[in-house]
């Protein structure tokens, strides 16, 4: 397994330097990161608006739900184009 790992790393020129970039340091402590879609009903309520200028988004309700489910999160991945792949 270690031999295969070393060979794979060598084949792509991997040297681990990405882990030292200041812009990516946050990823090393972001353990709980749920994925959500911008049309998630805990995050967006179409009865409250159409999304223009933030209307319709219920961020507090979304975060309250994540706290109730998981005890909180470190970050969230919002994926607005998932269904258009």
N, C-alpha and C. Protein backbone atom coordinates (compact mmCIF):
# COMPACT_ATOMS: atom_id res chain seq x y z
N UNK A 1 0.83 -1.18 0.00
CA UNK A 1 0.00 0.00 0.00
C UNK A 1 0.88 1.25 0.00
N UNK A 2 1.91 1.26 0.85
CA UNK A 2 2.79 2.43 0.90
C UNK A 2 3.57 2.60 -0.40
N UNK A 3 3.95 1.49 -1.02
CA UNK A 3 4.66 1.56 -2.29
C UNK A 3 3.76 2.17 -3.36
N UNK A 4 2.50 1.73 -3.39
CA UNK A 4 1.55 2.26 -4.37
C UNK A 4 1.32 3.75 -4.11
N UNK A 5 1.19 4.12 -2.85
CA UNK A 5 0.98 5.53 -2.50
C UNK A 5 2.16 6.39 -2.97
N UNK A 6 3.36 5.94 -2.70
CA UNK A 6 4.56 6.67 -3.11
C UNK A 6 4.62 6.79 -4.63
N UNK A 7 4.28 5.72 -5.33
CA UNK A 7 4.30 5.73 -6.80
C UNK A 7 3.26 6.70 -7.36
N UNK A 8 2.08 6.70 -6.75
CA UNK A 8 1.02 7.63 -7.20
C UNK A 8 1.43 9.08 -6.96
N UNK A 9 1.99 9.35 -5.81
CA UNK A 9 2.44 10.71 -5.49
C UNK A 9 3.52 11.16 -6.46
N UNK A 10 4.45 10.27 -6.78
CA UNK A 10 5.53 10.61 -7.71
C UNK A 10 4.99 10.85 -9.11
N UNK A 11 3.98 10.09 -9.51
CA UNK A 11 3.45 10.22 -10.87
C UNK A 11 2.75 11.56 -11.11
N UNK A 12 2.25 12.20 -10.04
CA UNK A 12 1.59 13.50 -10.19
C UNK A 12 2.45 14.64 -9.66
N UNK A 13 3.64 14.33 -9.23
CA UNK A 13 4.53 15.37 -8.72
C UNK A 13 4.10 15.93 -7.38
N UNK A 14 3.42 15.12 -6.59
CA UNK A 14 2.92 15.57 -5.28
C UNK A 14 4.07 15.69 -4.30
N UNK A 15 4.12 16.84 -3.61
CA UNK A 15 5.17 17.03 -2.61
C UNK A 15 4.62 17.50 -1.26
N UNK A 16 3.30 17.63 -1.15
CA UNK A 16 2.70 18.03 0.11
C UNK A 16 2.68 19.52 0.38
N UNK A 17 3.19 20.32 -0.54
CA UNK A 17 3.27 21.77 -0.30
C UNK A 17 1.90 22.43 -0.20
N UNK A 18 0.88 21.83 -0.77
CA UNK A 18 -0.47 22.41 -0.68
C UNK A 18 -0.93 22.52 0.77
N UNK A 19 -0.45 21.62 1.62
CA UNK A 19 -0.84 21.64 3.02
C UNK A 19 -0.21 22.80 3.79
N UNK A 20 0.74 23.45 3.20
CA UNK A 20 1.44 24.56 3.86
C UNK A 20 0.93 25.93 3.41
N UNK A 21 0.04 25.97 2.43
CA UNK A 21 -0.48 27.25 1.94
C UNK A 21 -1.37 27.89 3.01
N UNK A 22 -1.09 29.14 3.33
CA UNK A 22 -1.88 29.85 4.35
C UNK A 22 -3.36 29.89 3.98
N UNK A 23 -3.66 30.04 2.70
CA UNK A 23 -5.05 30.14 2.26
C UNK A 23 -5.83 28.84 2.48
N UNK A 24 -5.14 27.74 2.67
CA UNK A 24 -5.82 26.46 2.85
C UNK A 24 -5.69 25.88 4.26
N UNK A 25 -5.08 26.61 5.16
CA UNK A 25 -4.89 26.12 6.54
C UNK A 25 -6.21 25.79 7.22
N UNK A 26 -7.27 26.54 6.91
CA UNK A 26 -8.56 26.32 7.55
C UNK A 26 -9.08 24.90 7.31
N UNK A 27 -8.70 24.30 6.18
CA UNK A 27 -9.21 22.96 5.87
C UNK A 27 -8.70 21.90 6.83
N UNK A 28 -7.61 22.18 7.51
CA UNK A 28 -7.02 21.20 8.41
C UNK A 28 -7.76 21.09 9.74
N UNK A 29 -8.68 22.02 9.99
CA UNK A 29 -9.48 21.98 11.22
C UNK A 29 -10.97 22.05 10.93
N UNK A 30 -11.36 21.84 9.69
CA UNK A 30 -12.77 21.85 9.31
C UNK A 30 -13.24 20.40 9.20
N UNK A 31 -13.65 19.84 10.32
CA UNK A 31 -13.99 18.42 10.37
C UNK A 31 -15.43 18.14 10.00
N UNK A 32 -16.32 19.05 10.33
CA UNK A 32 -17.74 18.85 10.04
C UNK A 32 -18.16 19.85 8.98
N UNK A 33 -18.34 19.38 7.75
CA UNK A 33 -18.70 20.25 6.64
C UNK A 33 -19.82 19.60 5.83
N UNK A 34 -21.08 19.89 6.18
CA UNK A 34 -22.16 19.33 5.39
C UNK A 34 -22.27 20.01 4.02
N UNK A 35 -22.80 19.27 3.08
CA UNK A 35 -23.07 19.83 1.75
C UNK A 35 -24.53 20.24 1.71
N UNK A 36 -24.79 21.38 1.13
CA UNK A 36 -26.17 21.84 1.01
C UNK A 36 -26.37 22.46 -0.36
N UNK A 37 -27.60 22.42 -0.80
CA UNK A 37 -27.96 23.06 -2.05
C UNK A 37 -28.64 24.38 -1.74
N UNK A 38 -28.54 25.33 -2.61
CA UNK A 38 -29.12 26.64 -2.33
C UNK A 38 -30.64 26.60 -2.27
N UNK A 39 -31.24 25.52 -2.76
CA UNK A 39 -32.70 25.39 -2.69
C UNK A 39 -33.14 24.50 -1.53
N UNK A 40 -32.22 24.12 -0.65
CA UNK A 40 -32.54 23.34 0.55
C UNK A 40 -33.61 24.09 1.35
N UNK A 41 -34.64 23.41 1.77
CA UNK A 41 -35.77 24.06 2.43
C UNK A 41 -35.44 24.57 3.83
N UNK A 42 -34.34 24.14 4.42
CA UNK A 42 -33.92 24.73 5.68
C UNK A 42 -33.14 26.02 5.43
N UNK A 43 -32.63 26.20 4.22
CA UNK A 43 -31.84 27.38 3.88
C UNK A 43 -32.64 28.40 3.07
N UNK A 44 -33.61 27.93 2.31
CA UNK A 44 -34.35 28.84 1.43
C UNK A 44 -35.84 28.54 1.52
N UNK A 45 -36.63 29.60 1.68
CA UNK A 45 -38.09 29.48 1.71
C UNK A 45 -38.66 30.35 0.60
N UNK A 46 -39.14 29.74 -0.48
CA UNK A 46 -39.64 30.53 -1.61
C UNK A 46 -40.83 31.42 -1.25
N UNK A 47 -41.52 31.10 -0.17
CA UNK A 47 -42.64 31.94 0.26
C UNK A 47 -42.16 33.28 0.79
N UNK A 48 -40.87 33.36 1.14
CA UNK A 48 -40.31 34.61 1.69
C UNK A 48 -39.60 35.46 0.65
N UNK A 49 -39.45 34.95 -0.56
CA UNK A 49 -38.78 35.73 -1.60
C UNK A 49 -38.21 34.83 -2.68
N UNK A 50 -37.61 35.47 -3.67
CA UNK A 50 -37.10 34.72 -4.82
C UNK A 50 -35.58 34.60 -4.84
N UNK A 51 -34.93 34.97 -3.77
CA UNK A 51 -33.48 34.86 -3.70
C UNK A 51 -32.74 36.11 -4.12
N UNK A 52 -33.43 37.03 -4.77
CA UNK A 52 -32.79 38.27 -5.19
C UNK A 52 -32.52 39.13 -3.96
N UNK A 53 -31.32 39.65 -3.87
CA UNK A 53 -30.90 40.48 -2.72
C UNK A 53 -31.04 39.74 -1.39
N UNK A 54 -30.93 38.41 -1.43
CA UNK A 54 -30.98 37.62 -0.20
C UNK A 54 -32.38 37.29 0.29
N UNK A 55 -33.41 37.79 -0.38
CA UNK A 55 -34.76 37.49 0.10
C UNK A 55 -35.05 36.00 -0.05
N UNK A 56 -35.70 35.46 0.94
CA UNK A 56 -36.05 34.05 0.92
C UNK A 56 -35.06 33.16 1.65
N UNK A 57 -33.86 33.64 1.86
CA UNK A 57 -32.86 32.81 2.54
C UNK A 57 -33.04 32.89 4.05
N UNK A 58 -33.06 31.74 4.69
CA UNK A 58 -33.30 31.63 6.12
C UNK A 58 -32.05 31.04 6.78
N UNK A 59 -30.98 31.79 6.78
CA UNK A 59 -29.69 31.31 7.27
C UNK A 59 -29.77 30.93 8.74
N UNK A 60 -30.45 31.72 9.54
CA UNK A 60 -30.55 31.40 10.97
C UNK A 60 -31.25 30.06 11.19
N UNK A 61 -32.33 29.81 10.46
CA UNK A 61 -33.04 28.53 10.58
C UNK A 61 -32.14 27.38 10.14
N UNK A 62 -31.40 27.60 9.05
CA UNK A 62 -30.47 26.60 8.53
C UNK A 62 -29.40 26.25 9.57
N UNK A 63 -28.79 27.28 10.16
CA UNK A 63 -27.75 27.05 11.16
C UNK A 63 -28.30 26.45 12.44
N UNK A 64 -29.49 26.87 12.85
CA UNK A 64 -30.13 26.29 14.04
C UNK A 64 -30.36 24.79 13.85
N UNK A 65 -30.77 24.40 12.64
CA UNK A 65 -30.99 22.99 12.35
C UNK A 65 -29.68 22.20 12.42
N UNK A 66 -28.61 22.78 11.88
CA UNK A 66 -27.31 22.10 11.91
C UNK A 66 -26.80 21.95 13.34
N UNK A 67 -27.05 22.95 14.16
CA UNK A 67 -26.66 22.85 15.57
C UNK A 67 -27.46 21.74 16.26
N UNK A 68 -28.76 21.69 15.97
CA UNK A 68 -29.61 20.66 16.58
C UNK A 68 -29.20 19.26 16.12
N UNK A 69 -28.86 19.11 14.85
CA UNK A 69 -28.51 17.79 14.31
C UNK A 69 -27.11 17.34 14.71
N UNK A 70 -26.16 18.26 14.59
CA UNK A 70 -24.75 17.87 14.71
C UNK A 70 -24.01 18.55 15.87
N UNK A 71 -24.65 19.47 16.54
CA UNK A 71 -23.97 20.21 17.59
C UNK A 71 -23.14 21.35 17.03
N UNK A 72 -23.36 21.68 15.78
CA UNK A 72 -22.63 22.75 15.11
C UNK A 72 -21.79 22.21 13.98
N UNK A 73 -21.24 23.11 13.18
CA UNK A 73 -20.42 22.73 12.04
C UNK A 73 -19.19 23.62 11.99
N UNK A 74 -18.21 23.23 11.21
CA UNK A 74 -17.02 24.04 11.02
C UNK A 74 -17.11 24.88 9.76
N UNK A 75 -17.77 24.36 8.74
CA UNK A 75 -17.95 25.06 7.47
C UNK A 75 -19.08 24.37 6.72
N UNK A 76 -19.53 24.99 5.65
CA UNK A 76 -20.58 24.38 4.84
C UNK A 76 -20.21 24.54 3.36
N UNK A 77 -20.51 23.52 2.59
CA UNK A 77 -20.30 23.56 1.15
C UNK A 77 -21.65 23.84 0.51
N UNK A 78 -21.81 25.03 -0.06
CA UNK A 78 -23.03 25.36 -0.80
C UNK A 78 -22.78 25.04 -2.26
N UNK A 79 -23.63 24.19 -2.82
CA UNK A 79 -23.44 23.70 -4.18
C UNK A 79 -24.67 24.08 -5.01
N UNK A 80 -24.71 25.28 -5.57
CA UNK A 80 -25.90 25.76 -6.25
C UNK A 80 -26.16 25.11 -7.60
N UNK A 81 -25.16 24.51 -8.21
CA UNK A 81 -25.34 23.97 -9.57
C UNK A 81 -25.35 22.46 -9.65
N UNK A 82 -25.51 21.78 -8.52
CA UNK A 82 -25.40 20.33 -8.48
C UNK A 82 -26.27 19.64 -9.52
N UNK A 83 -27.52 20.05 -9.62
CA UNK A 83 -28.43 19.34 -10.53
C UNK A 83 -28.17 19.68 -11.99
N UNK A 84 -27.26 20.58 -12.27
CA UNK A 84 -26.95 20.96 -13.64
C UNK A 84 -25.63 20.39 -14.13
N UNK A 85 -25.17 19.32 -13.52
CA UNK A 85 -23.89 18.73 -13.94
C UNK A 85 -24.00 18.11 -15.30
